[in-house]
Amino acid sequence: MSSPTVDIAKPIRLSIAGMRCAGCVEAVETALRNTPGVDAADVSFADHTALVRGQVAPETLKKALQDAGYDAVLVAVGAHQG
């Protein structure tokens, strides 16, 4: 059984553990942007979160980040991002 995907209109916000510098932010953004189904990924070092848009399952994003050396926790799907 495959993981459910999230509609492009519903952004996914993840909390990222392990980011310690601007290079980490770049590595996290690259890992997310290279994940199939991701249309956009914006990472905030200040609050250690990522906002991802696309048609992709949150578990797929978490796995991509794990493979890059970071831990992630799903914060919200489709919540107002303002």
C-alpha atoms as a PDB file:
ATOM      1  CA  MET A   1       0.000   0.000   0.000  1.00  0.00           C
ATOM      2  CA  SER A   2       1.439   3.370  -0.990  1.00  0.00           C
ATOM      3  CA  SER A   3       1.491   6.488   1.142  1.00  0.00           C
ATOM      4  CA  PRO A   4      -1.227   9.020   0.383  1.00  0.00           C
ATOM      5  CA  THR A   5      -0.160  12.098  -1.519  1.00  0.00           C
ATOM      6  CA  VAL A   6      -1.122  15.630  -0.632  1.00  0.00           C
ATOM      7  CA  ASP A   7      -2.829  17.879  -3.160  1.00  0.00           C
ATOM      8  CA  ILE A   8      -0.648  20.693  -4.535  1.00  0.00           C
ATOM      9  CA  ALA A   9      -3.042  23.255  -3.012  1.00  0.00           C
ATOM     10  CA  LYS A  10      -2.239  21.926   0.459  1.00  0.00           C
ATOM     11  CA  PRO A  11       1.275  22.841   1.567  1.00  0.00           C
ATOM     12  CA  ILE A  12       3.127  20.600   3.986  1.00  0.00           C
ATOM     13  CA  ARG A  13       5.022  22.127   6.904  1.00  0.00           C
ATOM     14  CA  LEU A  14       7.767  20.075   8.531  1.00  0.00           C
ATOM     15  CA  SER A  15       9.864  20.767  11.606  1.00  0.00           C
ATOM     16  CA  ILE A  16      13.506  19.929  10.831  1.00  0.00           C
ATOM     17  CA  ALA A  17      15.998  18.785  13.462  1.00  0.00           C
ATOM     18  CA  GLY A  18      19.732  19.001  12.929  1.00  0.00           C
ATOM     19  CA  MET A  19      20.089  22.229  10.928  1.00  0.00           C
ATOM     20  CA  ARG A  20      23.028  24.162  12.354  1.00  0.00           C
ATOM     21  CA  CYS A  21      24.093  26.527   9.568  1.00  0.00           C
ATOM     22  CA  ALA A  22      23.238  28.018   6.190  1.00  0.00           C
ATOM     23  CA  GLY A  23      24.853  25.006   4.524  1.00  0.00           C
ATOM     24  CA  CYS A  24      22.366  22.783   6.332  1.00  0.00           C
ATOM     25  CA  VAL A  25      19.489  24.866   4.990  1.00  0.00           C
ATOM     26  CA  GLU A  26      20.841  24.406   1.463  1.00  0.00           C
ATOM     27  CA  ALA A  27      21.202  20.644   1.989  1.00  0.00           C
ATOM     28  CA  VAL A  28      17.632  20.357   3.297  1.00  0.00           C
ATOM     29  CA  GLU A  29      16.231  22.436   0.422  1.00  0.00           C
ATOM     30  CA  THR A  30      18.151  20.340  -2.102  1.00  0.00           C
ATOM     31  CA  ALA A  31      16.952  17.064  -0.586  1.00  0.00           C
ATOM     32  CA  LEU A  32      13.346  18.255  -0.633  1.00  0.00           C
ATOM     33  CA  ARG A  33      13.468  19.830  -4.105  1.00  0.00           C
ATOM     34  CA  ASN A  34      15.014  16.663  -5.560  1.00  0.00           C
ATOM     35  CA  THR A  35      12.148  14.549  -4.206  1.00  0.00           C
ATOM     36  CA  PRO A  36       9.763  13.465  -6.976  1.00  0.00           C
ATOM     37  CA  GLY A  37       6.461  15.315  -6.726  1.00  0.00           C
ATOM     38  CA  VAL A  38       7.875  18.407  -5.013  1.00  0.00           C
ATOM     39  CA  ASP A  39       7.186  21.650  -6.877  1.00  0.00           C
ATOM     40  CA  ALA A  40       8.643  24.053  -4.296  1.00  0.00           C
ATOM     41  CA  ALA A  41      10.430  23.850  -0.957  1.00  0.00           C
ATOM     42  CA  ASP A  42      11.280  26.793   1.274  1.00  0.00           C
ATOM     43  CA  VAL A  43      13.357  26.243   4.406  1.00  0.00           C
ATOM     44  CA  SER A  44      13.576  28.640   7.360  1.00  0.00           C
ATOM     45  CA  PHE A  45      16.685  28.413   9.494  1.00  0.00           C
ATOM     46  CA  ALA A  46      15.138  30.792  12.037  1.00  0.00           C
ATOM     47  CA  ASP A  47      12.304  28.454  12.989  1.00  0.00           C
ATOM     48  CA  HIS A  48      13.819  25.195  11.641  1.00  0.00           C
ATOM     49  CA  THR A  49      10.882  24.445   9.378  1.00  0.00           C
ATOM     50  CA  ALA A  50      10.284  23.640   5.737  1.00  0.00           C
ATOM     51  CA  LEU A  51       7.233  24.515   3.681  1.00  0.00           C
ATOM     52  CA  VAL A  52       6.771  22.137   0.769  1.00  0.00           C
ATOM     53  CA  ARG A  53       4.311  22.343  -2.116  1.00  0.00           C
ATOM     54  CA  GLY A  54       3.607  19.557  -4.564  1.00  0.00           C
ATOM     55  CA  GLN A  55       1.958  16.202  -4.831  1.00  0.00           C
ATOM     56  CA  VAL A  56       3.954  14.106  -2.422  1.00  0.00           C
ATOM     57  CA  ALA A  57       3.352  12.129   0.740  1.00  0.00           C
ATOM     58  CA  PRO A  58       4.709  13.604   3.981  1.00  0.00           C
ATOM     59  CA  GLU A  59       6.408  10.267   4.725  1.00  0.00           C
ATOM     60  CA  THR A  60       8.299  10.542   1.432  1.00  0.00           C
ATOM     61  CA  LEU A  61       9.611  13.955   2.466  1.00  0.00           C
ATOM     62  CA  LYS A  62      10.629  12.666   5.885  1.00  0.00           C
ATOM     63  CA  LYS A  63      12.508   9.769   4.247  1.00  0.00           C
ATOM     64  CA  ALA A  64      14.341  12.137   1.867  1.00  0.00           C
ATOM     65  CA  LEU A  65      15.442  14.236   4.837  1.00  0.00           C
ATOM     66  CA  GLN A  66      16.504  11.168   6.819  1.00  0.00           C
ATOM     67  CA  ASP A  67      18.632  10.081   3.860  1.00  0.00           C
ATOM     68  CA  ALA A  68      20.247  13.550   3.905  1.00  0.00           C
ATOM     69  CA  GLY A  69      20.996  13.268   7.640  1.00  0.00           C
ATOM     70  CA  TYR A  70      18.117  15.251   9.155  1.00  0.00           C
ATOM     71  CA  ASP A  71      15.059  14.318  11.179  1.00  0.00           C
ATOM     72  CA  ALA A  72      11.664  15.796  10.376  1.00  0.00           C
ATOM     73  CA  VAL A  73       8.283  15.898  12.069  1.00  0.00           C
ATOM     74  CA  LEU A  74       5.068  16.738  10.263  1.00  0.00           C
ATOM     75  CA  VAL A  75       3.664  19.983  11.654  1.00  0.00           C
ATOM     76  CA  ALA A  76       0.714  20.690   9.363  1.00  0.00           C
ATOM     77  CA  VAL A  77      -0.877  19.840   6.043  1.00  0.00           C
ATOM     78  CA  GLY A  78      -2.905  22.495   4.312  1.00  0.00           C
ATOM     79  CA  ALA A  79      -2.898  24.911   7.250  1.00  0.00           C
ATOM     80  CA  HIS A  80      -2.824  28.634   6.567  1.00  0.00           C
ATOM     81  CA  GLN A  81       0.794  29.594   5.955  1.00  0.00           C
ATOM     82  CA  GLY A  82       0.946  33.302   6.579  1.00  0.00           C
END
